[in-house]
């Protein structure tokens, strides 16, 4: 073998023997393991390596409990923070566990620093999703939109198709409610959700949110076309009573207000009244009350004007 041909092979062999990963650096950012726990040997003295190793093992144990036992994950991450208050990764985990334990205020406070500087650009997409949800739980639509914008197309990096669909739906709904994004951006996220939604159970919600986006932008013909794809109103109603998808307050009222106007005008009116009384009342989404054929009339709920 000539020297010219052998030299590249030697370089590759040396890189592999030195423990250099051939994968792109960007893959590391997708890992749920915090970057501080991925350091290569030789970066710290032995005592610091040992301390960091113990912290990372404790963090890993707490992380493993996040989905199936969030209260325990919260306890363990809190204990870790008491010993290491500057361990930012433990604080993020404590915030995520707090969200699942029903403490949205703590979750938002502990995830909010991710929006500072360039932290969001390297954050795990699942963490940004939790940040948006924490902000929605506190009715902080502005901050929710910041988290969801940071998540953006990186929702495709979430581990399974269902999570990706939900993330795209939440991004679109929050941007639509905040009125800080052009309708084309909202529709682009909804198209990404719809592209993945076949057989997932989310197709009706994709269509309903698309109808709201078009109609609130004054494109009623396109909105009615999207409504034609809502074929199971009862399945759509179930999203109003579950946390399968986190939507801004009032958005599900807008969806059902439009979707039910033909088959269930009574249901449509009830949701449009809720929309008109909620936080989206003065937005373009809230103005759907005036576009719907089943819009509520003046007078007491459920009664026509007259003697």
Protein backbone atom coordinates (compact mmCIF):
# COMPACT_ATOMS: atom_id res chain seq x y z
CA UNK A 1 0.00 0.00 0.00
CA UNK A 2 1.41 3.40 -0.94
CA UNK A 3 2.08 6.06 1.69
CA UNK A 4 -0.51 8.34 0.09
CA UNK A 5 -3.24 5.71 0.52
CA UNK A 6 -2.13 4.55 3.96
CA UNK A 7 -1.95 7.94 5.65
CA UNK A 8 -5.74 8.58 5.85
CA UNK A 9 -6.25 5.10 7.31
CA UNK A 10 -3.64 5.76 10.00
CA UNK A 11 -5.33 9.03 10.94
CA UNK A 12 -8.72 7.33 11.27
CA UNK A 13 -7.26 4.53 13.38
CA UNK A 14 -5.58 7.04 15.68
CA UNK A 15 -8.77 9.03 16.10
CA UNK A 16 -10.73 5.92 17.02
CA UNK A 17 -8.07 4.70 19.45
CA UNK A 18 -8.14 8.10 21.15
CA UNK A 19 -11.86 7.73 21.76
CA UNK A 20 -12.94 10.38 19.25
CA UNK A 21 -16.50 9.80 18.12
CA UNK A 22 -17.02 9.85 14.32
CA UNK A 23 -20.57 11.16 14.84
CA UNK A 24 -21.35 14.85 14.21
CA UNK A 25 -21.11 17.09 17.26
CA UNK A 26 -24.76 18.07 16.78
CA UNK A 27 -25.81 14.56 17.78
CA UNK A 28 -24.52 15.21 21.27
CA UNK A 29 -26.96 18.08 21.67
CA UNK A 30 -29.82 15.67 21.03
CA UNK A 31 -28.81 13.41 23.91
CA UNK A 32 -30.91 13.61 27.09
CA UNK A 33 -27.67 13.28 29.07
CA UNK A 34 -26.53 16.80 30.11
CA UNK A 35 -23.43 18.10 28.36
CA UNK A 36 -21.67 18.60 31.70
CA UNK A 37 -21.90 14.82 32.21
CA UNK A 38 -20.38 14.05 28.81
CA UNK A 39 -16.96 15.54 29.43
CA UNK A 40 -13.90 13.75 28.14
CA UNK A 41 -11.26 12.54 30.61
CA UNK A 42 -8.51 14.97 31.44
CA UNK A 43 -10.63 18.10 31.63
CA UNK A 44 -10.69 18.18 35.43
CA UNK A 45 -8.52 16.95 38.25
CA UNK A 46 -9.39 13.55 39.71
CA UNK A 47 -11.29 14.84 42.74
CA UNK A 48 -13.52 17.06 40.62
CA UNK A 49 -14.12 14.23 38.18
CA UNK A 50 -15.21 11.99 41.04
CA UNK A 51 -17.57 14.63 42.44
CA UNK A 52 -19.08 15.34 39.05
CA UNK A 53 -19.42 11.62 38.41
CA UNK A 54 -21.44 11.15 41.60
CA UNK A 55 -23.69 14.09 40.75
CA UNK A 56 -24.29 12.81 37.24
CA UNK A 57 -25.16 9.32 38.52
CA UNK A 58 -27.66 10.82 40.97
CA UNK A 59 -29.08 12.99 38.22
CA UNK A 60 -29.41 9.95 35.96
CA UNK A 61 -31.34 8.04 38.64
CA UNK A 62 -33.69 10.96 39.14
CA UNK A 63 -34.10 11.37 35.38
CA UNK A 64 -35.18 7.75 35.07
CA UNK A 65 -38.10 8.48 37.43
CA UNK A 66 -39.35 11.57 35.59
CA UNK A 67 -42.16 9.96 33.62
CA UNK A 68 -43.29 7.13 35.87
CA UNK A 69 -42.72 8.73 39.29
CA UNK A 70 -42.34 12.52 38.93
CA UNK A 71 -42.76 13.13 42.67
CA UNK A 72 -39.74 10.93 43.38
CA UNK A 73 -37.79 12.59 40.57
CA UNK A 74 -38.61 15.92 42.15
CA UNK A 75 -37.47 14.77 45.59
CA UNK A 76 -34.18 13.40 44.30
CA UNK A 77 -33.38 16.42 42.17
CA UNK A 78 -34.25 18.71 45.11
CA UNK A 79 -31.88 16.76 47.35
CA UNK A 80 -29.17 17.08 44.73
CA UNK A 81 -29.75 20.83 44.50
CA UNK A 82 -29.41 21.21 48.26
CA UNK A 83 -25.92 19.75 48.00
CA UNK A 84 -25.06 21.45 44.72
CA UNK A 85 -27.15 24.63 44.23
CA UNK A 86 -25.14 25.55 41.13
CA UNK A 87 -25.91 22.28 39.33
CA UNK A 88 -28.07 23.76 36.57
CA UNK A 89 -28.97 20.37 35.07
CA UNK A 90 -30.50 19.28 38.38
CA UNK A 91 -32.52 22.50 38.49
CA UNK A 92 -33.89 21.82 35.00
CA UNK A 93 -34.87 18.31 36.04
CA UNK A 94 -36.52 19.65 39.21
CA UNK A 95 -38.51 22.06 37.04
CA UNK A 96 -39.65 19.30 34.69
CA UNK A 97 -40.64 17.07 37.59
CA UNK A 98 -42.49 19.98 39.21
CA UNK A 99 -44.55 20.46 36.05
CA UNK A 100 -45.62 16.81 36.15
CA UNK A 101 -46.36 17.10 39.86
CA UNK A 102 -48.74 20.00 39.21
CA UNK A 103 -46.48 22.86 40.34
CA UNK A 104 -46.38 24.96 37.20
CA UNK A 105 -45.06 28.09 38.95
CA UNK A 106 -41.92 26.33 40.15
CA UNK A 107 -41.50 24.62 36.79
CA UNK A 108 -41.60 27.93 34.93
CA UNK A 109 -39.20 29.63 37.35
CA UNK A 110 -36.65 26.85 36.97
CA UNK A 111 -36.94 26.42 33.20
CA UNK A 112 -37.06 30.12 32.34
CA UNK A 113 -33.24 30.55 32.43
CA UNK A 114 -33.08 28.32 29.35
CA UNK A 115 -34.33 31.28 27.32
CA UNK A 116 -31.36 33.40 28.34
CA UNK A 117 -28.39 33.89 26.01
CA UNK A 118 -27.89 30.88 23.73
CA UNK A 119 -29.03 28.18 26.16
CA UNK A 120 -32.20 27.38 24.22
CA UNK A 121 -30.24 26.61 21.06
CA UNK A 122 -28.58 23.59 22.69
CA UNK A 123 -31.36 22.57 25.09
CA UNK A 124 -33.04 19.19 24.75
CA UNK A 125 -36.23 19.70 22.67
CA UNK A 126 -38.26 17.84 25.32
CA UNK A 127 -37.10 20.38 27.91
CA UNK A 128 -38.21 23.30 25.72
CA UNK A 129 -41.58 21.59 25.27
CA UNK A 130 -41.94 21.40 29.04
CA UNK A 131 -40.97 25.06 29.30
CA UNK A 132 -43.78 26.05 26.95
CA UNK A 133 -46.23 23.95 28.92
CA UNK A 134 -45.09 25.44 32.21
CA UNK A 135 -45.71 28.92 30.81
CA UNK A 136 -49.15 27.89 29.52
CA UNK A 137 -50.02 26.53 32.97
CA UNK A 138 -49.36 30.02 34.33
CA UNK A 139 -51.26 31.72 31.49
CA UNK A 140 -48.04 33.40 30.39
CA UNK A 141 -48.64 33.33 26.66
CA UNK A 142 -45.69 35.56 25.80
CA UNK A 143 -43.17 33.29 27.53
CA UNK A 144 -44.87 30.19 26.17
CA UNK A 145 -44.45 31.53 22.65
CA UNK A 146 -40.73 32.12 23.32
CA UNK A 147 -40.25 28.52 24.42
CA UNK A 148 -42.21 27.15 21.48
CA UNK A 149 -40.35 29.36 19.00
CA UNK A 150 -37.08 28.05 20.42
CA UNK A 151 -38.39 24.51 19.96
CA UNK A 152 -39.57 25.17 16.39
CA UNK A 153 -38.51 22.63 13.80
CA UNK A 154 -36.40 20.83 16.42
CA UNK A 155 -39.67 19.15 17.43
CA UNK A 156 -38.71 16.59 14.79
CA UNK A 157 -35.90 15.47 17.14
CA UNK A 158 -38.36 14.28 19.79
CA UNK A 159 -38.11 10.51 20.21
CA UNK A 160 -41.41 9.31 18.77
CA UNK A 161 -43.96 10.35 16.18
CA UNK A 162 -46.75 11.03 18.67
CA UNK A 163 -44.59 13.48 20.63
CA UNK A 164 -43.60 15.22 17.42
CA UNK A 165 -47.25 15.64 16.38
CA UNK A 166 -48.23 17.03 19.77
CA UNK A 167 -45.29 19.43 19.80
CA UNK A 168 -46.12 20.83 16.36
CA UNK A 169 -49.76 21.28 17.38
CA UNK A 170 -48.76 23.11 20.55
CA UNK A 171 -46.30 25.35 18.71
CA UNK A 172 -48.92 26.29 16.12
CA UNK A 173 -51.69 26.91 18.65
CA UNK A 174 -49.51 29.06 20.90
CA UNK A 175 -48.16 31.18 18.07
CA UNK A 176 -51.69 31.58 16.74
CA UNK A 177 -52.96 32.70 20.15
CA UNK A 178 -50.07 35.10 20.70
CA UNK A 179 -50.56 36.73 17.28
CA UNK A 180 -46.81 37.19 16.99
CA UNK A 181 -46.38 34.97 13.94
CA UNK A 182 -47.71 35.21 10.38
CA UNK A 183 -50.50 32.76 9.65
CA UNK A 184 -48.24 31.06 7.10
CA UNK A 185 -45.84 30.11 9.91
CA UNK A 186 -48.70 28.68 11.96
CA UNK A 187 -49.98 26.69 9.00
CA UNK A 188 -46.49 25.37 8.28
CA UNK A 189 -46.32 23.82 11.76
CA UNK A 190 -49.80 22.40 11.33
CA UNK A 191 -48.77 20.82 8.05
CA UNK A 192 -45.87 19.15 9.82
CA UNK A 193 -48.29 17.79 12.43
CA UNK A 194 -50.72 16.61 9.76
CA UNK A 195 -47.97 14.92 7.76
CA UNK A 196 -47.28 12.67 10.74
CA UNK A 197 -50.85 12.37 12.02
CA UNK A 198 -52.33 9.55 9.92
CA UNK A 199 -53.68 6.88 12.27
CA UNK A 200 -52.52 8.76 15.35
CA UNK A 201 -55.87 10.12 16.57
CA UNK A 202 -54.70 13.72 16.15
CA UNK A 203 -55.95 14.33 12.61
CA UNK A 204 -59.20 15.94 13.75
CA UNK A 205 -57.39 18.39 15.99
CA UNK A 206 -54.97 19.21 13.16
CA UNK A 207 -57.94 20.01 10.94
CA UNK A 208 -59.73 22.00 13.66
CA UNK A 209 -56.70 24.17 14.42
CA UNK A 210 -56.13 24.68 10.70
CA UNK A 211 -59.73 25.88 10.38
CA UNK A 212 -59.20 28.35 13.25
CA UNK A 213 -55.97 29.63 11.68
CA UNK A 214 -57.55 30.21 8.27
CA UNK A 215 -60.80 31.70 9.59
CA UNK A 216 -59.14 34.03 12.08
CA UNK A 217 -57.03 35.33 9.18
CA UNK A 218 -60.22 36.15 7.26
CA UNK A 219 -59.92 33.16 4.90
CA UNK A 220 -63.31 31.60 5.62
CA UNK A 221 -63.47 29.46 2.48
CA UNK A 222 -60.20 27.75 3.39
CA UNK A 223 -61.41 27.47 6.97
CA UNK A 224 -64.58 25.70 5.89
CA UNK A 225 -62.51 23.38 3.72
CA UNK A 226 -60.43 22.40 6.74
CA UNK A 227 -63.57 21.82 8.82
CA UNK A 228 -64.70 19.28 6.24
CA UNK A 229 -61.88 17.06 7.49
CA UNK A 230 -63.26 16.98 11.04
CA UNK A 231 -65.19 13.71 10.88
CA UNK A 232 -65.43 12.73 14.56
CA UNK A 233 -66.70 15.52 16.78
CA UNK A 234 -66.77 13.35 19.90
CA UNK A 235 -63.11 12.45 19.47
CA UNK A 236 -62.32 16.14 19.11
CA UNK A 237 -64.29 16.95 22.27
CA UNK A 238 -62.10 14.60 24.28
CA UNK A 239 -59.12 16.90 23.81
CA UNK A 240 -60.99 19.51 25.86
CA UNK A 241 -60.91 17.30 28.95
CA UNK A 242 -57.44 15.75 28.70
CA UNK A 243 -53.86 16.99 28.77
CA UNK A 244 -52.81 14.97 25.75
CA UNK A 245 -52.15 18.31 24.06
CA UNK A 246 -51.48 21.55 25.94
CA UNK A 247 -53.25 24.47 24.25
CA UNK A 248 -53.59 28.13 25.27
CA UNK A 249 -56.72 28.78 27.30
CA UNK A 250 -59.63 29.38 24.95
CA UNK A 251 -58.10 27.71 21.88
CA UNK A 252 -60.08 24.51 22.28
CA UNK A 253 -63.24 26.62 22.61
CA UNK A 254 -62.40 28.21 19.26
CA UNK A 255 -61.85 24.82 17.64
CA UNK A 256 -65.08 23.31 18.95
CA UNK A 257 -67.00 26.52 18.35
CA UNK A 258 -66.26 26.20 14.64
CA UNK A 259 -66.30 22.43 14.33
CA UNK A 260 -69.67 21.90 16.04
CA UNK A 261 -71.64 24.68 14.37
CA UNK A 262 -73.37 22.37 11.85
CA UNK A 263 -73.95 19.16 13.78
CA UNK A 264 -74.24 20.54 17.31
CA UNK A 265 -75.11 24.26 17.27
CA UNK A 266 -75.88 24.14 21.01
CA UNK A 267 -72.36 22.87 21.72
CA UNK A 268 -70.92 25.45 19.34
CA UNK A 269 -72.70 28.29 21.12
CA UNK A 270 -71.48 27.11 24.53
CA UNK A 271 -67.86 27.09 23.38
CA UNK A 272 -68.16 30.42 21.58
CA UNK A 273 -69.52 31.99 24.75
CA UNK A 274 -66.53 30.61 26.63
CA UNK A 275 -64.21 31.99 23.94
CA UNK A 276 -65.85 35.42 24.15
CA UNK A 277 -65.39 35.47 27.94
CA UNK A 278 -61.82 34.16 27.94
CA UNK A 279 -58.34 35.60 27.46
CA UNK A 280 -58.47 35.30 23.66
CA UNK A 281 -61.62 37.41 23.36
CA UNK A 282 -59.84 40.47 21.95
CA UNK A 283 -57.57 38.58 19.58
CA UNK A 284 -58.27 37.53 16.00
CA UNK A 285 -59.12 34.06 17.36
CA UNK A 286 -61.72 35.63 19.66
CA UNK A 287 -63.33 37.38 16.70
CA UNK A 288 -64.44 33.97 15.42
CA UNK A 289 -67.53 34.52 17.56
CA UNK A 290 -68.68 37.01 14.90
CA UNK A 291 -67.85 34.75 11.96
CA UNK A 292 -69.64 31.60 13.12
CA UNK A 293 -73.18 30.85 11.96
CA UNK A 294 -73.89 29.45 15.43
CA UNK A 295 -72.63 32.53 17.27
CA UNK A 296 -74.25 33.29 20.61
CA UNK A 297 -76.97 35.92 20.69
CA UNK A 298 -77.62 38.49 23.38
CA UNK A 299 -79.76 37.53 26.34
CA UNK A 300 -79.54 34.58 28.71
CA UNK A 301 -77.63 31.50 27.70
CA UNK A 302 -79.70 28.97 25.80
CA UNK A 303 -82.72 31.28 25.28
CA UNK A 304 -83.81 33.22 22.25
CA UNK A 305 -84.72 36.88 22.51
CA UNK A 306 -88.44 37.40 22.80
CA UNK A 307 -91.34 37.22 25.23
